[in-house]
Amino acid sequence: MIYDFIYDDNNQYQITGANLKNELEKLNIDNNYEYFDYFKGNGFVYFLDKINNKITVVSFSEVSGNQEYEIMKKFADEHKSEFDEIIFANATSMETLKI
């Protein structure tokens, strides 16, 4: 599933992006399985695009093997220059793709 969140201005984008990264960092540090129970079995990729004031979220299955993760990782690697930041997250960790 793909979701695009487009913000009216850069300030709204910056606030939302900071809140998103804060929540994902909590996930990464705390491994709070109870709070993030809805993440179990799913992986999420967040594409942050400052120029277009847009955050795109892609969800994929992590329980069907590594195939979907590898497809998303390959796409992110090929298109990383188009985004300010790309974050992979699941129930227990997060990884920021170096841009």
PDB file of N, CA and C in Angstrom:
ATOM      1  N   MET A   1       0.837  -1.165   0.000  1.00  0.00           N
ATOM      2  CA  MET A   1       0.000   0.000   0.000  1.00  0.00           C
ATOM      3  C   MET A   1       0.891   1.240   0.000  1.00  0.00           C
ATOM      4  N   ILE A   2       0.453   2.237  -0.712  1.00  0.00           N
ATOM      5  CA  ILE A   2       1.217   3.483  -0.812  1.00  0.00           C
ATOM      6  C   ILE A   2       0.313   4.644  -0.379  1.00  0.00           C
ATOM      7  N   TYR A   3       0.853   5.486   0.495  1.00  0.00           N
ATOM      8  CA  TYR A   3       0.148   6.676   0.964  1.00  0.00           C
ATOM      9  C   TYR A   3       1.025   7.890   0.696  1.00  0.00           C
ATOM     10  N   ASP A   4       0.447   8.932   0.122  1.00  0.00           N
ATOM     11  CA  ASP A   4       1.148  10.204  -0.067  1.00  0.00           C
ATOM     12  C   ASP A   4       0.509  11.240   0.845  1.00  0.00           C
ATOM     13  N   PHE A   5       1.326  11.876   1.666  1.00  0.00           N
ATOM     14  CA  PHE A   5       0.877  12.976   2.510  1.00  0.00           C
ATOM     15  C   PHE A   5       1.542  14.236   1.989  1.00  0.00           C
ATOM     16  N   ILE A   6       0.738  15.128   1.427  1.00  0.00           N
ATOM     17  CA  ILE A   6       1.255  16.357   0.833  1.00  0.00           C
ATOM     18  C   ILE A   6       0.811  17.526   1.709  1.00  0.00           C
ATOM     19  N   TYR A   7       1.771  18.343   2.101  1.00  0.00           N
ATOM     20  CA  TYR A   7       1.512  19.438   3.031  1.00  0.00           C
ATOM     21  C   TYR A   7       1.477  20.775   2.302  1.00  0.00           C
ATOM     22  N   ASP A   8       0.676  21.703   2.837  1.00  0.00           N
ATOM     23  CA  ASP A   8       0.492  23.012   2.210  1.00  0.00           C
ATOM     24  C   ASP A   8       1.765  23.835   2.155  1.00  0.00           C
ATOM     25  N   ASP A   9       2.597  23.686   3.173  1.00  0.00           N
ATOM     26  CA  ASP A   9       3.817  24.481   3.185  1.00  0.00           C
ATOM     27  C   ASP A   9       4.950  23.698   3.841  1.00  0.00           C
ATOM     28  N   ASN A  10       6.137  24.240   3.721  1.00  0.00           N
ATOM     29  CA  ASN A  10       7.319  23.560   4.228  1.00  0.00           C
ATOM     30  C   ASN A  10       7.302  23.441   5.740  1.00  0.00           C
ATOM     31  N   ASN A  11       6.702  24.402   6.433  1.00  0.00           N
ATOM     32  CA  ASN A  11       6.638  24.345   7.895  1.00  0.00           C
ATOM     33  C   ASN A  11       5.842  23.126   8.363  1.00  0.00           C
ATOM     34  N   GLN A  12       4.683  22.874   7.749  1.00  0.00           N
ATOM     35  CA  GLN A  12       3.882  21.698   8.098  1.00  0.00           C
ATOM     36  C   GLN A  12       4.654  20.414   7.807  1.00  0.00           C
ATOM     37  N   TYR A  13       5.332  20.391   6.669  1.00  0.00           N
ATOM     38  CA  TYR A  13       6.147  19.227   6.308  1.00  0.00           C
ATOM     39  C   TYR A  13       7.247  18.987   7.345  1.00  0.00           C
ATOM     40  N   GLN A  14       7.939  20.058   7.751  1.00  0.00           N
ATOM     41  CA  GLN A  14       9.038  19.942   8.708  1.00  0.00           C
ATOM     42  C   GLN A  14       8.535  19.432  10.062  1.00  0.00           C
ATOM     43  N   ILE A  15       7.408  19.951  10.532  1.00  0.00           N
ATOM     44  CA  ILE A  15       6.850  19.524  11.815  1.00  0.00           C
ATOM     45  C   ILE A  15       6.452  18.054  11.772  1.00  0.00           C
ATOM     46  N   THR A  16       5.758  17.670  10.708  1.00  0.00           N
ATOM     47  CA  THR A  16       5.326  16.284  10.577  1.00  0.00           C
ATOM     48  C   THR A  16       6.523  15.349  10.450  1.00  0.00           C
ATOM     49  N   GLY A  17       7.494  15.723   9.657  1.00  0.00           N
ATOM     50  CA  GLY A  17       8.693  14.900   9.508  1.00  0.00           C
ATOM     51  C   GLY A  17       9.433  14.727  10.820  1.00  0.00           C
ATOM     52  N   ALA A  18       9.542  15.797  11.597  1.00  0.00           N
ATOM     53  CA  ALA A  18      10.219  15.717  12.901  1.00  0.00           C
ATOM     54  C   ALA A  18       9.439  14.814  13.855  1.00  0.00           C
ATOM     55  N   ASN A  19       8.106  14.936  13.871  1.00  0.00           N
ATOM     56  CA  ASN A  19       7.287  14.071  14.726  1.00  0.00           C
ATOM     57  C   ASN A  19       7.404  12.607  14.311  1.00  0.00           C
ATOM     58  N   LEU A  20       7.388  12.355  13.017  1.00  0.00           N
ATOM     59  CA  LEU A  20       7.532  10.995  12.512  1.00  0.00           C
ATOM     60  C   LEU A  20       8.868  10.399  12.946  1.00  0.00           C
ATOM     61  N   LYS A  21       9.948  11.147  12.744  1.00  0.00           N
ATOM     62  CA  LYS A  21      11.273  10.639  13.123  1.00  0.00           C
ATOM     63  C   LYS A  21      11.378  10.424  14.628  1.00  0.00           C
ATOM     64  N   ASN A  22      10.742  11.289  15.416  1.00  0.00           N
ATOM     65  CA  ASN A  22      10.737  11.130  16.866  1.00  0.00           C
ATOM     66  C   ASN A  22      10.046   9.828  17.276  1.00  0.00           C
ATOM     67  N   GLU A  23       8.876   9.559  16.689  1.00  0.00           N
ATOM     68  CA  GLU A  23       8.153   8.325  17.005  1.00  0.00           C
ATOM     69  C   GLU A  23       8.931   7.090  16.562  1.00  0.00           C
ATOM     70  N   LEU A  24       9.542   7.159  15.384  1.00  0.00           N
ATOM     71  CA  LEU A  24      10.325   6.017  14.910  1.00  0.00           C
ATOM     72  C   LEU A  24      11.564   5.804  15.771  1.00  0.00           C
ATOM     73  N   GLU A  25      12.150   6.885  16.251  1.00  0.00           N
ATOM     74  CA  GLU A  25      13.312   6.763  17.130  1.00  0.00           C
ATOM     75  C   GLU A  25      12.925   6.107  18.452  1.00  0.00           C
ATOM     76  N   LYS A  26      11.744   6.440  18.968  1.00  0.00           N
ATOM     77  CA  LYS A  26      11.239   5.774  20.181  1.00  0.00           C
ATOM     78  C   LYS A  26      11.135   4.275  19.937  1.00  0.00           C
ATOM     79  N   LEU A  27      10.594   3.918  18.789  1.00  0.00           N
ATOM     80  CA  LEU A  27      10.481   2.512  18.407  1.00  0.00           C
ATOM     81  C   LEU A  27      11.848   1.856  18.389  1.00  0.00           C
ATOM     82  N   ASN A  28      12.802   2.506  17.792  1.00  0.00           N
ATOM     83  CA  ASN A  28      14.138   1.955  17.639  1.00  0.00           C
ATOM     84  C   ASN A  28      14.835   1.798  18.992  1.00  0.00           C
ATOM     85  N   ILE A  29      14.666   2.756  19.893  1.00  0.00           N
ATOM     86  CA  ILE A  29      15.342   2.726  21.191  1.00  0.00           C
ATOM     87  C   ILE A  29      14.615   1.813  22.172  1.00  0.00           C
ATOM     88  N   ASP A  30      13.298   1.939  22.242  1.00  0.00           N
ATOM     89  CA  ASP A  30      12.527   1.245  23.263  1.00  0.00           C
ATOM     90  C   ASP A  30      12.111  -0.171  22.887  1.00  0.00           C
ATOM     91  N   ASN A  31      12.017  -0.456  21.585  1.00  0.00           N
ATOM     92  CA  ASN A  31      11.449  -1.732  21.139  1.00  0.00           C
ATOM     93  C   ASN A  31      10.138  -2.004  21.872  1.00  0.00           C
ATOM     94  N   ASN A  32       9.286  -1.019  21.873  1.00  0.00           N
ATOM     95  CA  ASN A  32       8.027  -1.083  22.598  1.00  0.00           C
ATOM     96  C   ASN A  32       7.022  -1.898  21.784  1.00  0.00           C
ATOM     97  N   TYR A  33       7.085  -3.215  21.923  1.00  0.00           N
ATOM     98  CA  TYR A  33       6.249  -4.102  21.123  1.00  0.00           C
ATOM     99  C   TYR A  33       4.759  -3.881  21.363  1.00  0.00           C
ATOM    100  N   GLU A  34       4.378  -3.568  22.597  1.00  0.00           N
ATOM    101  CA  GLU A  34       2.972  -3.398  22.908  1.00  0.00           C
ATOM    102  C   GLU A  34       2.397  -2.177  22.195  1.00  0.00           C
ATOM    103  N   TYR A  35       3.084  -1.050  22.257  1.00  0.00           N
ATOM    104  CA  TYR A  35       2.606   0.171  21.630  1.00  0.00           C
ATOM    105  C   TYR A  35       2.587   0.054  20.111  1.00  0.00           C
ATOM    106  N   PHE A  36       3.591  -0.610  19.556  1.00  0.00           N
ATOM    107  CA  PHE A  36       3.698  -0.723  18.096  1.00  0.00           C
ATOM    108  C   PHE A  36       3.182  -2.069  17.586  1.00  0.00           C
ATOM    109  N   ASP A  37       2.227  -2.658  18.297  1.00  0.00           N
ATOM    110  CA  ASP A  37       1.699  -3.964  17.929  1.00  0.00           C
ATOM    111  C   ASP A  37       1.168  -3.983  16.498  1.00  0.00           C
ATOM    112  N   TYR A  38       0.588  -2.877  16.038  1.00  0.00           N
ATOM    113  CA  TYR A  38       0.023  -2.827  14.692  1.00  0.00           C
ATOM    114  C   TYR A  38       1.101  -2.906  13.616  1.00  0.00           C
ATOM    115  N   PHE A  39       2.367  -2.708  13.979  1.00  0.00           N
ATOM    116  CA  PHE A  39       3.461  -2.821  13.017  1.00  0.00           C
ATOM    117  C   PHE A  39       3.864  -4.277  12.773  1.00  0.00           C
ATOM    118  N   LYS A  40       3.500  -5.186  13.673  1.00  0.00           N
ATOM    119  CA  LYS A  40       3.990  -6.559  13.567  1.00  0.00           C
ATOM    120  C   LYS A  40       3.596  -7.157  12.215  1.00  0.00           C
ATOM    121  N   GLY A  41       4.552  -7.751  11.576  1.00  0.00           N
ATOM    122  CA  GLY A  41       4.313  -8.388  10.294  1.00  0.00           C
ATOM    123  C   GLY A  41       4.412  -7.451   9.103  1.00  0.00           C
ATOM    124  N   ASN A  42       4.505  -6.161   9.350  1.00  0.00           N
ATOM    125  CA  ASN A  42       4.603  -5.201   8.259  1.00  0.00           C
ATOM    126  C   ASN A  42       5.909  -4.432   8.332  1.00  0.00           C
ATOM    127  N   GLY A  43       6.385  -4.068   7.180  1.00  0.00           N
ATOM    128  CA  GLY A  43       7.502  -3.151   7.085  1.00  0.00           C
ATOM    129  C   GLY A  43       6.996  -1.871   6.449  1.00  0.00           C
ATOM    130  N   PHE A  44       7.614  -0.773   6.796  1.00  0.00           N
ATOM    131  CA  PHE A  44       7.220   0.521   6.255  1.00  0.00           C
ATOM    132  C   PHE A  44       8.454   1.239   5.742  1.00  0.00           C
ATOM    133  N   VAL A  45       8.291   1.938   4.631  1.00  0.00           N
ATOM    134  CA  VAL A  45       9.351   2.780   4.105  1.00  0.00           C
ATOM    135  C   VAL A  45       8.763   4.183   3.999  1.00  0.00           C
ATOM    136  N   TYR A  46       9.480   5.148   4.571  1.00  0.00           N
ATOM    137  CA  TYR A  46       9.061   6.545   4.556  1.00  0.00           C
ATOM    138  C   TYR A  46      10.004   7.317   3.647  1.00  0.00           C
ATOM    139  N   PHE A  47       9.462   7.921   2.600  1.00  0.00           N
ATOM    140  CA  PHE A  47      10.230   8.735   1.665  1.00  0.00           C
ATOM    141  C   PHE A  47       9.923  10.192   1.974  1.00  0.00           C
ATOM    142  N   LEU A  48      10.902  10.943   2.442  1.00  0.00           N
ATOM    143  CA  LEU A  48      10.704  12.355   2.787  1.00  0.00           C
ATOM    144  C   LEU A  48      11.219  13.237   1.656  1.00  0.00           C
ATOM    145  N   ASP A  49      10.322  14.069   1.136  1.00  0.00           N
ATOM    146  CA  ASP A  49      10.612  14.913  -0.024  1.00  0.00           C
ATOM    147  C   ASP A  49      10.342  16.368   0.335  1.00  0.00           C
ATOM    148  N   LYS A  50      11.385  17.084   0.733  1.00  0.00           N
ATOM    149  CA  LYS A  50      11.259  18.475   1.196  1.00  0.00           C
ATOM    150  C   LYS A  50      10.837  19.417   0.071  1.00  0.00           C
ATOM    151  N   ILE A  51      11.292  19.187  -1.130  1.00  0.00           N
ATOM    152  CA  ILE A  51      10.988  20.093  -2.246  1.00  0.00           C
ATOM    153  C   ILE A  51       9.491  20.113  -2.552  1.00  0.00           C
ATOM    154  N   ASN A  52       8.857  18.940  -2.483  1.00  0.00           N
ATOM    155  CA  ASN A  52       7.421  18.855  -2.774  1.00  0.00           C
ATOM    156  C   ASN A  52       6.556  18.843  -1.512  1.00  0.00           C
ATOM    157  N   ASN A  53       7.175  19.038  -0.333  1.00  0.00           N
ATOM    158  CA  ASN A  53       6.450  19.007   0.948  1.00  0.00           C
ATOM    159  C   ASN A  53       5.615  17.741   1.066  1.00  0.00           C
ATOM    160  N   LYS A  54       6.245  16.599   0.796  1.00  0.00           N
ATOM    161  CA  LYS A  54       5.508  15.344   0.715  1.00  0.00           C
ATOM    162  C   LYS A  54       6.240  14.238   1.482  1.00  0.00           C
ATOM    163  N   ILE A  55       5.458  13.425   2.185  1.00  0.00           N
ATOM    164  CA  ILE A  55       5.967  12.206   2.806  1.00  0.00           C
ATOM    165  C   ILE A  55       5.178  11.054   2.211  1.00  0.00           C
ATOM    166  N   THR A  56       5.888  10.122   1.612  1.00  0.00           N
ATOM    167  CA  THR A  56       5.254   8.943   1.036  1.00  0.00           C
ATOM    168  C   THR A  56       5.557   7.761   1.938  1.00  0.00           C
ATOM    169  N   VAL A  57       4.521   6.991   2.257  1.00  0.00           N
ATOM    170  CA  VAL A  57       4.662   5.818   3.107  1.00  0.00           C
ATOM    171  C   VAL A  57       4.272   4.599   2.288  1.00  0.00           C
ATOM    172  N   VAL A  58       5.152   3.614   2.257  1.00  0.00           N
ATOM    173  CA  VAL A  58       4.875   2.355   1.565  1.00  0.00           C
ATOM    174  C   VAL A  58       4.906   1.255   2.611  1.00  0.00           C
ATOM    175  N   SER A  59       3.853   0.446   2.676  1.00  0.00           N
ATOM    176  CA  SER A  59       3.845  -0.689   3.592  1.00  0.00           C
ATOM    177  C   SER A  59       3.983  -1.968   2.773  1.00  0.00           C
ATOM    178  N   PHE A  60       4.672  -2.930   3.375  1.00  0.00           N
ATOM    179  CA  PHE A  60       4.868  -4.212   2.701  1.00  0.00           C
ATOM    180  C   PHE A  60       4.962  -5.309   3.742  1.00  0.00           C
ATOM    181  N   SER A  61       4.769  -6.547   3.314  1.00  0.00           N
ATOM    182  CA  SER A  61       4.805  -7.688   4.221  1.00  0.00           C
ATOM    183  C   SER A  61       6.238  -8.091   4.504  1.00  0.00           C
ATOM    184  N   GLU A  62       6.550  -8.218   5.794  1.00  0.00           N
ATOM    185  CA  GLU A  62       7.863  -8.738   6.165  1.00  0.00           C
ATOM    186  C   GLU A  62       7.786 -10.201   6.590  1.00  0.00           C
ATOM    187  N   VAL A  63       6.597 -10.757   6.629  1.00  0.00           N
ATOM    188  CA  VAL A  63       6.457 -12.155   7.020  1.00  0.00           C
ATOM    189  C   VAL A  63       6.445 -13.082   5.813  1.00  0.00           C
ATOM    190  N   SER A  64       6.462 -12.524   4.623  1.00  0.00           N
ATOM    191  CA  SER A  64       6.457 -13.361   3.421  1.00  0.00           C
ATOM    192  C   SER A  64       7.871 -13.602   2.897  1.00  0.00           C
ATOM    193  N   GLY A  65       8.857 -13.390   3.741  1.00  0.00           N
ATOM    194  CA  GLY A  65      10.248 -13.568   3.333  1.00  0.00           C
ATOM    195  C   GLY A  65      10.895 -12.241   3.009  1.00  0.00           C
ATOM    196  N   ASN A  66      12.116 -12.276   2.530  1.00  0.00           N
ATOM    197  CA  ASN A  66      12.876 -11.060   2.250  1.00  0.00           C
ATOM    198  C   ASN A  66      12.599 -10.457   0.887  1.00  0.00           C
ATOM    199  N   GLN A  67      11.806 -11.105   0.065  1.00  0.00           N
ATOM    200  CA  GLN A  67      11.614 -10.651  -1.308  1.00  0.00           C
ATOM    201  C   GLN A  67      11.076  -9.224  -1.376  1.00  0.00           C
ATOM    202  N   GLU A  68      10.023  -8.927  -0.622  1.00  0.00           N
ATOM    203  CA  GLU A  68       9.453  -7.581  -0.686  1.00  0.00           C
ATOM    204  C   GLU A  68      10.424  -6.553  -0.122  1.00  0.00           C
ATOM    205  N   TYR A  69      11.129  -6.897   0.955  1.00  0.00           N
ATOM    206  CA  TYR A  69      12.127  -5.983   1.512  1.00  0.00           C
ATOM    207  C   TYR A  69      13.211  -5.702   0.486  1.00  0.00           C
ATOM    208  N   GLU A  70      13.692  -6.720  -0.180  1.00  0.00           N
ATOM    209  CA  GLU A  70      14.746  -6.544  -1.182  1.00  0.00           C
ATOM    210  C   GLU A  70      14.276  -5.673  -2.345  1.00  0.00           C
ATOM    211  N   ILE A  71      13.027  -5.829  -2.751  1.00  0.00           N
ATOM    212  CA  ILE A  71      12.476  -4.993  -3.828  1.00  0.00           C
ATOM    213  C   ILE A  71      12.440  -3.532  -3.382  1.00  0.00           C
ATOM    214  N   MET A  72      11.971  -3.288  -2.152  1.00  0.00           N
ATOM    215  CA  MET A  72      11.903  -1.923  -1.639  1.00  0.00           C
ATOM    216  C   MET A  72      13.301  -1.337  -1.460  1.00  0.00           C
ATOM    217  N   LYS A  73      14.228  -2.135  -0.985  1.00  0.00           N
ATOM    218  CA  LYS A  73      15.601  -1.667  -0.773  1.00  0.00           C
ATOM    219  C   LYS A  73      16.241  -1.299  -2.112  1.00  0.00           C
ATOM    220  N   LYS A  74      16.032  -2.116  -3.131  1.00  0.00           N
ATOM    221  CA  LYS A  74      16.588  -1.838  -4.449  1.00  0.00           C
ATOM    222  C   LYS A  74      15.994  -0.549  -5.019  1.00  0.00           C
ATOM    223  N   PHE A  75      14.672  -0.381  -4.891  1.00  0.00           N
ATOM    224  CA  PHE A  75      14.024   0.838  -5.364  1.00  0.00           C
ATOM    225  C   PHE A  75      14.592   2.054  -4.635  1.00  0.00           C
ATOM    226  N   ALA A  76      14.716   1.963  -3.325  1.00  0.00           N
ATOM    227  CA  ALA A  76      15.226   3.079  -2.531  1.00  0.00           C
ATOM    228  C   ALA A  76      16.661   3.419  -2.929  1.00  0.00           C
ATOM    229  N   ASP A  77      17.486   2.410  -3.122  1.00  0.00           N
ATOM    230  CA  ASP A  77      18.875   2.647  -3.531  1.00  0.00           C
ATOM    231  C   ASP A  77      18.949   3.342  -4.883  1.00  0.00           C
ATOM    232  N   GLU A  78      18.083   2.928  -5.806  1.00  0.00           N
ATOM    233  CA  GLU A  78      18.104   3.502  -7.158  1.00  0.00           C
ATOM    234  C   GLU A  78      17.565   4.933  -7.197  1.00  0.00           C
ATOM    235  N   HIS A  79      16.687   5.285  -6.247  1.00  0.00           N
ATOM    236  CA  HIS A  79      16.026   6.594  -6.288  1.00  0.00           C
ATOM    237  C   HIS A  79      16.382   7.483  -5.106  1.00  0.00           C
ATOM    238  N   LYS A  80      17.411   7.129  -4.358  1.00  0.00           N
ATOM    239  CA  LYS A  80      17.712   7.878  -3.135  1.00  0.00           C
ATOM    240  C   LYS A  80      18.078   9.338  -3.382  1.00  0.00           C
ATOM    241  N   SER A  81      18.569   9.653  -4.546  1.00  0.00           N
ATOM    242  CA  SER A  81      18.927  11.047  -4.835  1.00  0.00           C
ATOM    243  C   SER A  81      17.688  11.935  -5.007  1.00  0.00           C
ATOM    244  N   GLU A  82      16.517  11.348  -5.153  1.00  0.00           N
ATOM    245  CA  GLU A  82      15.282  12.104  -5.351  1.00  0.00           C
ATOM    246  C   GLU A  82      14.622  12.516  -4.033  1.00  0.00           C
ATOM    247  N   PHE A  83      15.150  12.025  -2.902  1.00  0.00           N
ATOM    248  CA  PHE A  83      14.525  12.266  -1.604  1.00  0.00           C
ATOM    249  C   PHE A  83      15.537  12.826  -0.622  1.00  0.00           C
ATOM    250  N   ASP A  84      15.016  13.512   0.395  1.00  0.00           N
ATOM    251  CA  ASP A  84      15.874  14.042   1.451  1.00  0.00           C
ATOM    252  C   ASP A  84      16.289  12.949   2.423  1.00  0.00           C
ATOM    253  N   GLU A  85      15.377  12.029   2.647  1.00  0.00           N
ATOM    254  CA  GLU A  85      15.643  10.961   3.591  1.00  0.00           C
ATOM    255  C   GLU A  85      14.731   9.791   3.272  1.00  0.00           C
ATOM    256  N   ILE A  86      15.235   8.581   3.469  1.00  0.00           N
ATOM    257  CA  ILE A  86      14.442   7.372   3.307  1.00  0.00           C
ATOM    258  C   ILE A  86      14.643   6.541   4.566  1.00  0.00           C
ATOM    259  N   ILE A  87      13.528   6.182   5.209  1.00  0.00           N
ATOM    260  CA  ILE A  87      13.597   5.449   6.465  1.00  0.00           C
ATOM    261  C   ILE A  87      12.839   4.135   6.326  1.00  0.00           C
ATOM    262  N   PHE A  88      13.501   3.032   6.660  1.00  0.00           N
ATOM    263  CA  PHE A  88      12.866   1.722   6.729  1.00  0.00           C
ATOM    264  C   PHE A  88      12.536   1.453   8.191  1.00  0.00           C
ATOM    265  N   ALA A  89      11.322   0.989   8.488  1.00  0.00           N
ATOM    266  CA  ALA A  89      10.942   0.713   9.874  1.00  0.00           C
ATOM    267  C   ALA A  89      10.063  -0.529   9.936  1.00  0.00           C
ATOM    268  N   ASN A  90      10.202  -1.257  11.043  1.00  0.00           N
ATOM    269  CA  ASN A  90       9.308  -2.367  11.334  1.00  0.00           C
ATOM    270  C   ASN A  90       9.046  -2.384  12.833  1.00  0.00           C
ATOM    271  N   ALA A  91       8.548  -3.472  13.357  1.00  0.00           N
ATOM    272  CA  ALA A  91       8.138  -3.514  14.763  1.00  0.00           C
ATOM    273  C   ALA A  91       9.298  -3.399  15.732  1.00  0.00           C
ATOM    274  N   THR A  92      10.491  -3.666  15.287  1.00  0.00           N
ATOM    275  CA  THR A  92      11.601  -3.697  16.235  1.00  0.00           C
ATOM    276  C   THR A  92      12.780  -2.795  15.879  1.00  0.00           C
ATOM    277  N   SER A  93      12.752  -2.173  14.732  1.00  0.00           N
ATOM    278  CA  SER A  93      13.925  -1.370  14.370  1.00  0.00           C
ATOM    279  C   SER A  93      13.600  -0.359  13.285  1.00  0.00           C
ATOM    280  N   MET A  94      14.561   0.523  13.065  1.00  0.00           N
ATOM    281  CA  MET A  94      14.480   1.439  11.939  1.00  0.00           C
ATOM    282  C   MET A  94      15.868   1.614  11.355  1.00  0.00           C
ATOM    283  N   GLU A  95      15.896   1.940  10.090  1.00  0.00           N
ATOM    284  CA  GLU A  95      17.154   2.140   9.379  1.00  0.00           C
ATOM    285  C   GLU A  95      16.976   3.328   8.441  1.00  0.00           C
ATOM    286  N   THR A  96      17.872   4.287   8.540  1.00  0.00           N
ATOM    287  CA  THR A  96      17.835   5.434   7.647  1.00  0.00           C
ATOM    288  C   THR A  96      18.827   5.188   6.523  1.00  0.00           C
ATOM    289  N   LEU A  97      18.327   5.265   5.297  1.00  0.00           N
ATOM    290  CA  LEU A  97      19.196   5.081   4.141  1.00  0.00           C
ATOM    291  C   LEU A  97      20.055   6.312   3.975  1.00  0.00           C
ATOM    292  N   LYS A  98      21.335   6.130   3.889  1.00  0.00           N
ATOM    293  CA  LYS A  98      22.259   7.258   3.735  1.00  0.00           C
ATOM    294  C   LYS A  98      22.084   7.879   2.362  1.00  0.00           C
ATOM    295  N   ILE A  99      21.805   9.157   2.335  1.00  0.00           N
ATOM    296  CA  ILE A  99      21.582   9.877   1.076  1.00  0.00           C
ATOM    297  C   ILE A  99      22.841  10.655   0.736  1.00  0.00           C
TER     298      ILE A  99
END
